[in-house]
Protein backbone atom coordinates (compact mmCIF):
# COMPACT_ATOMS: atom_id res chain seq x y z
CA MET A 1 18.01 10.95 49.07
CA THR A 2 19.44 14.13 51.23
CA THR A 3 17.37 16.61 52.60
CA ALA A 4 18.23 19.51 50.40
CA GLU A 5 17.11 16.83 47.15
CA PHE A 6 13.64 15.94 49.19
CA ILE A 7 12.81 19.54 49.26
CA ARG A 8 13.54 20.07 45.63
CA GLU A 9 11.43 17.06 44.47
CA TYR A 10 8.54 17.28 46.85
CA ARG A 11 8.31 21.26 47.49
CA GLU A 12 4.65 21.23 45.40
CA ARG A 13 3.18 18.34 47.55
CA ASP A 14 1.00 18.26 50.46
CA ILE A 15 3.03 18.87 53.70
CA ARG A 16 0.24 16.39 55.78
CA GLN A 17 1.26 13.67 53.48
CA LEU A 18 4.65 13.81 53.15
CA ALA A 19 4.74 13.74 57.11
CA LEU A 20 2.90 10.78 57.07
CA GLN A 21 5.28 8.82 54.81
CA ALA A 22 8.46 9.83 56.58
CA ASN A 23 9.53 6.41 57.13
CA ARG A 24 10.11 6.30 53.56
CA PHE A 25 12.74 8.76 54.15
CA PRO A 26 15.12 8.10 57.06
CA ASP A 27 18.39 10.50 55.77
CA VAL A 28 16.23 12.99 55.35
CA ASP A 29 15.59 16.05 58.52
CA MET A 30 11.84 15.73 58.09
CA PRO A 31 10.93 18.79 60.33
CA TYR A 32 13.30 21.01 58.27
CA ALA A 33 11.92 19.81 55.14
CA LEU A 34 8.37 19.95 56.22
CA ASP A 35 8.97 23.64 57.32
CA GLN A 36 10.99 24.75 54.19
CA ILE A 37 8.20 23.03 51.63
CA GLN A 38 5.81 25.06 53.57
CA GLY A 39 7.72 27.67 53.62
CA TRP A 40 8.13 28.06 50.02
CA GLN A 41 4.75 27.23 49.30
CA ILE A 42 3.75 30.51 51.14
CA ALA A 43 6.29 32.59 49.58
CA ARG A 44 5.11 31.38 46.15
CA ARG A 45 2.22 33.24 47.01
CA LYS A 46 3.40 36.05 49.29
CA LEU A 47 6.98 36.35 48.23
CA PRO A 48 7.43 35.26 44.36
CA LYS A 49 11.01 36.91 43.97
CA TRP A 50 12.52 34.65 47.09
CA ALA A 51 10.08 31.51 46.24
CA ALA A 52 12.34 32.03 42.75
CA CYS A 53 15.70 32.43 44.50
CA ASP A 54 17.69 29.07 45.25
CA GLY A 55 19.02 28.62 48.42
CA VAL A 56 16.84 30.83 50.52
CA ILE A 57 15.75 29.20 53.66
CA PHE A 58 12.37 29.49 55.04
CA PRO A 59 11.27 30.13 58.98
CA PRO A 60 8.51 28.13 60.60
CA HIS A 61 5.28 28.97 59.94
CA LEU A 62 4.18 31.77 62.25
CA SER A 63 7.05 34.09 60.68
CA MET A 64 5.71 33.15 57.21
CA GLU A 65 2.13 33.78 57.66
CA GLN A 66 3.18 37.14 59.71
CA CYS A 67 5.88 38.68 57.38
CA SER A 68 5.04 41.02 54.50
CA SER A 69 4.32 40.01 51.03
CA GLU A 70 6.03 41.81 48.26
CA PRO A 71 3.42 44.83 47.43
CA THR A 72 3.59 45.80 50.79
CA ALA A 73 6.93 45.47 51.36
CA GLN A 74 7.54 47.61 48.10
CA TYR A 75 5.53 50.18 49.36
CA LYS A 76 7.63 50.34 52.48
CA LEU A 77 10.47 50.99 50.27
CA ASN A 78 8.83 53.68 48.09
CA LEU A 79 8.09 55.56 51.64
CA ALA A 80 11.23 55.36 52.84
CA MET A 81 13.03 56.82 49.62
CA GLU A 82 10.29 59.55 49.57
CA TRP A 83 11.21 60.18 52.98
CA ALA A 84 14.54 60.08 52.76
CA GLU A 85 14.74 62.54 50.44
CA ARG A 86 12.31 64.96 52.06
CA VAL A 87 14.72 64.75 55.32
CA GLY A 88 17.63 65.35 52.52
CA HIS A 89 19.59 62.07 53.71
CA ALA A 90 19.45 58.48 52.57
CA GLY A 91 22.76 57.58 54.60
CA ARG A 92 21.80 54.66 57.45
CA MET A 93 18.82 52.69 58.61
CA THR A 94 18.11 50.41 61.24
CA ASP A 95 15.20 47.51 61.95
CA LEU A 96 14.66 47.17 65.22
CA THR A 97 12.36 43.96 64.88
CA GLY A 98 13.71 42.12 61.82
CA GLY A 99 11.72 39.15 61.78
CA PHE A 100 12.17 37.26 58.57
CA GLY A 101 13.73 40.66 56.84
CA VAL A 102 11.09 41.02 54.19
CA ASP A 103 10.48 44.09 55.04
CA PHE A 104 14.23 45.23 55.95
CA SER A 105 15.55 43.67 52.51
CA PHE A 106 12.95 46.03 50.51
CA THR A 107 13.37 49.41 53.08
CA SER A 108 17.42 48.67 53.31
CA CYS A 109 17.47 49.37 49.43
CA ALA A 110 16.81 53.26 49.92
CA PHE A 111 19.84 53.75 52.27
CA THR A 112 23.89 53.83 52.07
CA SER A 113 24.22 51.17 54.82
CA ALA A 114 21.30 49.47 57.09
CA THR A 115 21.56 47.09 60.35
CA TYR A 116 18.99 43.96 61.23
CA VAL A 117 18.23 43.72 64.90
CA GLU A 118 16.37 40.85 65.70
CA ARG A 119 16.32 39.26 69.50
CA SER A 120 15.90 35.62 67.44
CA GLU A 121 19.09 33.93 67.05
CA GLN A 122 17.38 31.40 64.57
CA LEU A 123 16.25 33.98 62.54
CA CYS A 124 19.44 36.41 62.86
CA HIS A 125 21.10 33.11 61.12
CA ILE A 126 18.27 32.43 58.44
CA VAL A 127 18.73 36.45 57.29
CA GLU A 128 22.44 36.50 57.23
CA HIS A 129 22.44 33.42 55.20
CA ASN A 130 19.64 35.30 53.00
CA LEU A 131 20.72 38.64 52.19
CA PRO A 132 23.63 37.67 50.09
CA LEU A 133 21.34 35.32 47.89
CA LEU A 134 19.15 38.63 47.59
CA GLY A 135 21.60 40.37 46.52
CA LEU A 136 21.80 42.93 49.65
CA ASN A 137 25.63 43.19 50.54
CA ASN A 138 25.02 46.58 52.65
CA ALA A 139 23.47 45.17 55.29
CA THR A 140 24.88 44.12 58.94
CA VAL A 141 23.24 41.60 61.21
CA VAL A 142 22.87 42.15 64.66
CA CYS A 143 21.23 39.54 67.44
CA ALA A 144 20.06 41.85 70.27
CA ASP A 145 17.21 43.22 71.90
CA ALA A 146 15.38 46.55 70.39
CA VAL A 147 15.13 48.37 73.47
CA GLU A 148 18.54 47.70 74.38
CA TYR A 149 20.39 48.56 70.88
CA LEU A 150 18.15 51.58 70.33
CA SER A 151 19.77 52.89 73.61
CA THR A 152 23.28 52.45 72.38
CA VAL A 153 22.79 53.17 68.27
CA GLU A 154 23.97 56.27 67.00
CA PRO A 155 21.39 58.50 64.81
CA GLN A 156 19.75 57.11 61.95
CA THR A 157 18.45 58.36 58.94
CA MET A 158 15.01 55.65 59.68
CA LEU A 159 14.24 53.49 62.41
CA PHE A 160 11.74 50.81 61.21
CA LEU A 161 9.65 49.33 64.04
CA ASP A 162 7.08 46.43 63.58
CA PRO A 163 6.00 45.99 67.47
CA ALA A 164 4.66 42.30 68.23
CA ARG A 165 0.88 42.08 68.19
CA ARG A 166 0.43 39.30 70.83
CA ASP A 167 0.44 39.58 74.22
CA GLU A 168 2.25 36.79 76.69
CA HIS A 169 -1.07 34.07 76.20
CA GLY A 170 -0.77 34.72 72.44
CA ALA A 171 -3.86 36.76 71.86
CA LYS A 172 -3.82 39.71 69.40
CA THR A 173 -3.57 42.86 71.01
CA VAL A 174 -5.08 46.30 69.35
CA MET A 175 -3.73 48.81 71.30
CA LEU A 176 -0.65 50.37 70.81
CA ALA A 177 1.07 50.38 73.98
CA ASP A 178 0.00 46.73 74.46
CA CYS A 179 2.55 46.03 71.94
CA THR A 180 5.99 45.04 72.56
CA PRO A 181 8.09 47.03 72.33
CA ASP A 182 6.25 49.57 73.81
CA VAL A 183 6.88 52.30 70.96
CA VAL A 184 4.89 55.06 73.08
CA GLN A 185 7.42 54.87 76.10
CA LEU A 186 9.71 54.74 73.45
CA LEU A 187 8.89 57.72 72.12
CA PRO A 188 11.40 60.22 72.96
CA LYS A 189 14.38 57.63 71.83
CA LEU A 190 13.15 56.82 68.66
CA LEU A 191 12.67 60.59 68.19
CA GLU A 192 15.99 61.47 69.44
CA LYS A 193 17.96 58.78 67.44
CA SER A 194 16.29 59.06 63.55
CA ARG A 195 15.13 61.69 61.38
CA PHE A 196 11.68 59.74 60.39
CA THR A 197 10.54 56.37 62.33
CA MET A 198 8.50 53.87 60.34
CA LEU A 199 6.17 52.03 62.27
CA LYS A 200 4.01 48.91 60.65
CA LEU A 201 1.16 47.89 62.76
CA SER A 202 -1.79 46.11 62.83
CA PRO A 203 -4.86 46.93 60.64
CA MET A 204 -6.92 46.21 63.58
CA LEU A 205 -5.44 48.84 65.68
CA ASP A 206 -7.34 52.28 66.04
CA TRP A 207 -5.26 54.56 64.29
CA HIS A 208 -7.17 57.82 65.62
CA LYS A 209 -5.74 56.53 69.09
CA ALA A 210 -2.29 55.91 67.80
CA VAL A 211 -1.72 59.30 66.41
CA ASP A 212 -3.10 60.97 69.77
CA ASP A 213 -0.85 58.58 71.71
CA LEU A 214 1.99 59.34 69.81
CA GLN A 215 1.73 62.71 70.60
CA GLY A 216 1.74 64.91 67.41
CA THR A 217 4.74 63.48 65.80
CA VAL A 218 2.63 61.58 63.55
CA ARG A 219 3.27 63.10 60.07
CA GLU A 220 1.66 60.35 57.75
CA VAL A 221 -0.63 57.64 58.25
CA HIS A 222 -1.06 55.04 55.68
CA ILE A 223 -3.86 52.29 55.36
CA VAL A 224 -2.65 49.51 52.91
CA SER A 225 -4.91 46.93 52.07
CA VAL A 226 -4.11 44.43 48.92
CA GLY A 227 -6.83 42.67 46.84
CA GLY A 228 -9.46 44.16 48.76
CA GLU A 229 -8.46 43.14 52.19
CA CYS A 230 -6.98 45.90 54.85
CA LYS A 231 -3.24 44.42 55.55
CA GLU A 232 -0.75 47.21 57.16
CA LEU A 233 -1.16 50.68 59.22
CA LEU A 234 1.66 52.60 58.73
CA LEU A 235 2.72 55.76 61.07
CA VAL A 236 5.38 57.69 59.96
CA LEU A 237 6.96 59.87 63.11
CA SER A 238 9.10 62.95 62.46
CA THR A 239 10.20 66.04 64.58
CA VAL A 240 12.75 67.05 61.66
CA VAL A 241 9.45 68.07 59.52
CA GLU A 242 6.82 69.76 60.70
CA SER A 243 3.51 69.42 58.45
CA GLU A 244 0.00 68.69 58.32
CA LEU A 245 -1.06 65.44 59.43
CA LYS A 246 -2.08 63.07 55.82
CA VAL A 247 -3.87 59.79 55.53
CA TYR A 248 -3.15 57.94 52.35
CA CYS A 249 -5.60 55.16 51.71
CA ALA A 250 -3.85 52.65 49.47
CA ASP A 251 -5.18 49.67 47.86
CA LEU A 252 -2.48 47.71 45.92
CA SER A 253 -3.08 45.42 43.15
CA THR A 254 0.77 45.05 42.17
CA ALA A 255 4.01 45.32 43.29
CA SER A 256 4.56 48.44 41.38
CA ALA A 257 2.12 50.87 42.20
CA PRO A 258 -1.19 51.44 44.14
CA SER A 259 -4.39 50.45 42.01
CA SER A 260 -6.02 53.14 44.08
CA LEU A 261 -4.97 55.76 45.98
CA PHE A 262 -7.00 58.57 48.19
CA VAL A 263 -5.19 61.03 50.30
CA TYR A 264 -6.81 63.24 52.49
CA THR A 265 -6.22 65.76 55.70
CA PRO A 266 -8.09 64.77 58.45
CA GLY A 267 -11.32 67.41 59.00
CA SER A 268 -14.70 68.08 58.99
CA SER A 269 -16.43 67.78 55.73
CA ALA A 270 -20.58 68.26 56.22
CA ILE A 271 -22.01 66.03 53.49
CA VAL A 272 -25.87 65.81 53.54
CA ALA A 273 -27.46 62.09 53.43
CA ASN A 274 -29.30 61.38 49.77
CA SER A 275 -33.20 61.62 49.71
CA LYS A 276 -35.20 58.91 49.20
CA LEU A 277 -36.23 60.14 45.42
CA LYS A 278 -32.00 60.58 44.90
CA THR A 279 -31.85 56.56 45.69
CA GLN A 280 -34.30 55.49 44.04
CA ASN A 281 -32.99 57.29 40.42
CA SER A 282 -29.35 57.11 41.17
CA LYS A 283 -27.65 55.06 38.21
CA PHE A 284 -24.28 54.34 40.02
CA VAL A 285 -23.67 52.99 42.99
CA HIS A 286 -19.70 53.10 44.39
CA GLU A 287 -17.96 50.72 47.37
CA PRO A 288 -15.29 52.19 48.62
CA ASN A 289 -11.73 50.12 48.90
CA ALA A 290 -10.95 48.06 52.29
CA SER A 291 -8.48 51.26 53.10
CA ILE A 292 -11.06 54.04 53.13
CA MET A 293 -13.52 51.33 54.85
CA LYS A 294 -10.63 51.12 57.81
CA ALA A 295 -9.60 54.84 57.68
CA GLY A 296 -13.69 56.29 57.89
CA CYS A 297 -13.04 59.04 55.75
CA PHE A 298 -16.33 59.17 54.13
CA ASP A 299 -17.18 63.00 54.33
CA GLU A 300 -13.88 63.80 52.39
CA LEU A 301 -14.12 60.94 49.60
CA ALA A 302 -17.92 62.26 49.15
CA ALA A 303 -16.43 65.76 48.64
CA ALA A 304 -13.93 64.86 46.64
CA TYR A 305 -15.43 62.55 44.02
CA GLY A 306 -19.00 64.47 44.20
CA VAL A 307 -20.50 61.43 45.15
CA SER A 308 -23.53 61.20 47.86
CA PRO A 309 -24.39 58.58 50.65
CA VAL A 310 -27.40 56.56 50.73
CA SER A 311 -27.14 57.53 54.38
CA ARG A 312 -24.70 58.34 57.35
CA ASN A 313 -23.86 54.74 58.19
CA SER A 314 -24.22 52.90 54.30
CA HIS A 315 -20.52 53.69 53.31
CA LEU A 316 -21.77 53.36 49.93
CA PHE A 317 -22.18 56.36 47.43
CA LEU A 318 -24.19 56.90 44.86
CA SER A 319 -23.92 59.34 41.54
CA ASP A 320 -25.56 59.99 38.37
CA GLU A 321 -22.68 59.77 36.38
CA PRO A 322 -19.43 57.29 35.99
CA VAL A 323 -16.94 58.66 38.56
CA GLU A 324 -13.27 58.66 37.08
CA GLY A 325 -10.67 57.11 39.26
CA PHE A 326 -13.28 56.21 42.35
CA PRO A 327 -10.90 54.38 44.72
CA GLY A 328 -12.92 51.19 44.87
CA ARG A 329 -15.69 49.38 42.91
CA SER A 330 -17.82 50.96 40.68
CA PHE A 331 -21.45 49.54 39.74
CA VAL A 332 -24.53 50.27 37.53
CA VAL A 333 -27.35 50.13 39.26
CA GLU A 334 -30.17 48.36 37.44
CA ARG A 335 -33.29 47.95 39.48
CA VAL A 336 -33.82 49.11 43.36
CA THR A 337 -36.67 47.61 45.25
CA THR A 338 -37.63 47.60 48.75
CA MET A 339 -38.65 44.20 50.80
CA ASN A 340 -42.40 44.22 49.50
CA LYS A 341 -42.73 40.82 48.63
CA GLY A 342 -44.40 41.87 45.24
CA GLU A 343 -41.46 44.49 44.46
CA LEU A 344 -39.10 41.59 45.11
CA ARG A 345 -40.69 39.18 42.93
CA LYS A 346 -40.42 41.72 39.80
CA ALA A 347 -36.92 42.92 40.74
CA LEU A 348 -35.54 39.52 40.89
CA ALA A 349 -37.40 37.83 38.38
CA GLY A 350 -34.48 35.98 35.99
CA ILE A 351 -31.78 36.21 38.70
CA GLU A 352 -30.84 32.53 40.24
CA LYS A 353 -27.18 33.55 41.35
CA ALA A 354 -26.19 36.91 42.87
CA ASN A 355 -23.19 38.24 44.60
CA ILE A 356 -24.99 39.99 48.08
CA ALA A 357 -23.58 42.70 50.65
CA THR A 358 -25.22 44.05 53.40
CA ARG A 359 -24.75 47.96 54.63
CA ASN A 360 -26.10 49.30 57.36
CA PHE A 361 -29.10 46.73 57.05
CA PRO A 362 -31.27 44.46 59.82
CA LEU A 363 -30.24 41.09 57.81
CA SER A 364 -26.88 39.19 57.34
CA VAL A 365 -25.98 38.13 54.20
CA ALA A 366 -26.80 34.74 54.89
CA GLU A 367 -30.35 35.52 56.16
CA LEU A 368 -30.78 37.67 53.00
CA ARG A 369 -29.87 34.90 50.85
CA LYS A 370 -32.26 32.50 52.25
CA ARG A 371 -34.83 34.99 52.02
CA LEU A 372 -34.09 35.65 48.44
CA LYS A 373 -33.59 32.18 47.78
CA ILE A 374 -30.81 33.04 45.28
CA LYS A 375 -27.25 31.02 45.04
CA ASP A 376 -24.07 33.03 45.67
CA GLY A 377 -21.73 33.91 42.71
CA GLY A 378 -22.76 35.40 38.91
CA ASP A 379 -22.31 38.78 37.55
CA VAL A 380 -25.40 40.50 39.40
CA TYR A 381 -24.48 42.29 42.54
CA ILE A 382 -27.05 43.37 45.15
CA PHE A 383 -26.48 45.64 48.21
CA ALA A 384 -29.08 45.29 50.72
CA THR A 385 -28.96 48.90 52.69
CA THR A 386 -31.19 51.25 54.83
CA THR A 387 -31.82 55.09 53.19
CA ALA A 388 -31.33 58.25 55.52
CA GLU A 389 -35.06 58.16 56.16
CA GLY A 390 -34.59 54.33 57.63
CA GLU A 391 -36.23 52.61 54.42
CA HIS A 392 -34.76 48.93 53.78
CA LEU A 393 -33.34 48.58 49.92
CA LEU A 394 -31.77 46.34 47.43
CA LEU A 395 -29.44 47.88 44.65
CA ILE A 396 -29.67 45.56 41.85
CA SER A 397 -26.45 46.24 40.16
CA ARG A 398 -23.55 45.14 38.20
CA LYS A 399 -19.90 45.95 38.03
CA TYR A 400 -19.21 49.20 36.01
CA SER A 401 -15.91 48.37 33.57
């Protein structure tokens, strides 16, 4: 059996079990085969179009885990197309930190020609092999250091960077200046060489600090979540376009469009926290999506949708009526109870299972679940929170369809 035949036949098997059976297949390059099987299994989840493409070569595990998913890559393509139209030019783009090439394979479609730059010779060979299989014939692969290449590149419509977010010891970094390459140091050259630059950053990074560090050149901040988990922070830089900073909070459910999108201009909106009476009597509770939680735009959200916060730090919102298009999840409040034992016993009667979340509450989910003696799961949702007056409440709810 050849290595290629082995990969095709066993690609749905557990790679740990396959590794233990390596002696049965002396003609198979087992380390390479296991990398390809593991890569295909990850791609089937993150990159189904790539997984369905015969002949695609996958890189080692770390590159596969760090690469974009199809929904987030498609989002960046849409963003690149919008900005190319905005600057009136869709000529050339260069990805200075190519990696496995997922983002490049998508964003390059917005331009007449595209260059992939990567210092890893192994990744360059893989991408050079994969691009034609994916139908990309407008691309050039260059094995080079991003900083060195940037100093020689001709002016581009778009430059794309995904700085490495680990230090020399492998620890994750959360500051822009600690990433490699150092975007702050490269800023003058990036602005000189492009009409706009797109930065892909860790969702853990403080976007307010990043905007400040980039000295007024950031035109848009995009906080992108998939299925309720914050995945990426995208910054668009330009001196060609002068505009007020806008923040886009997108929660993606498919590759084609966000299931929810909230756009705002950072500013102050004075929203007064709810009174105890309001909290006790509101009919709906709303939980913002992960992108909005990351953005911290709770005042702007409340003003835009006419909802009221339970308290300043609760990050839960209340309304008397359904809120159409709320960017997050909405629930019908069936009962509200304090932590009084008698009230709890009455309010929780008949509830054996529930999904519990704590927001600005003194107990963890595990501690609260133990105290309530309720199993996990079911269609009941309990939000444990603290009102503006400091009262601890449980909002017993069900999803609003």
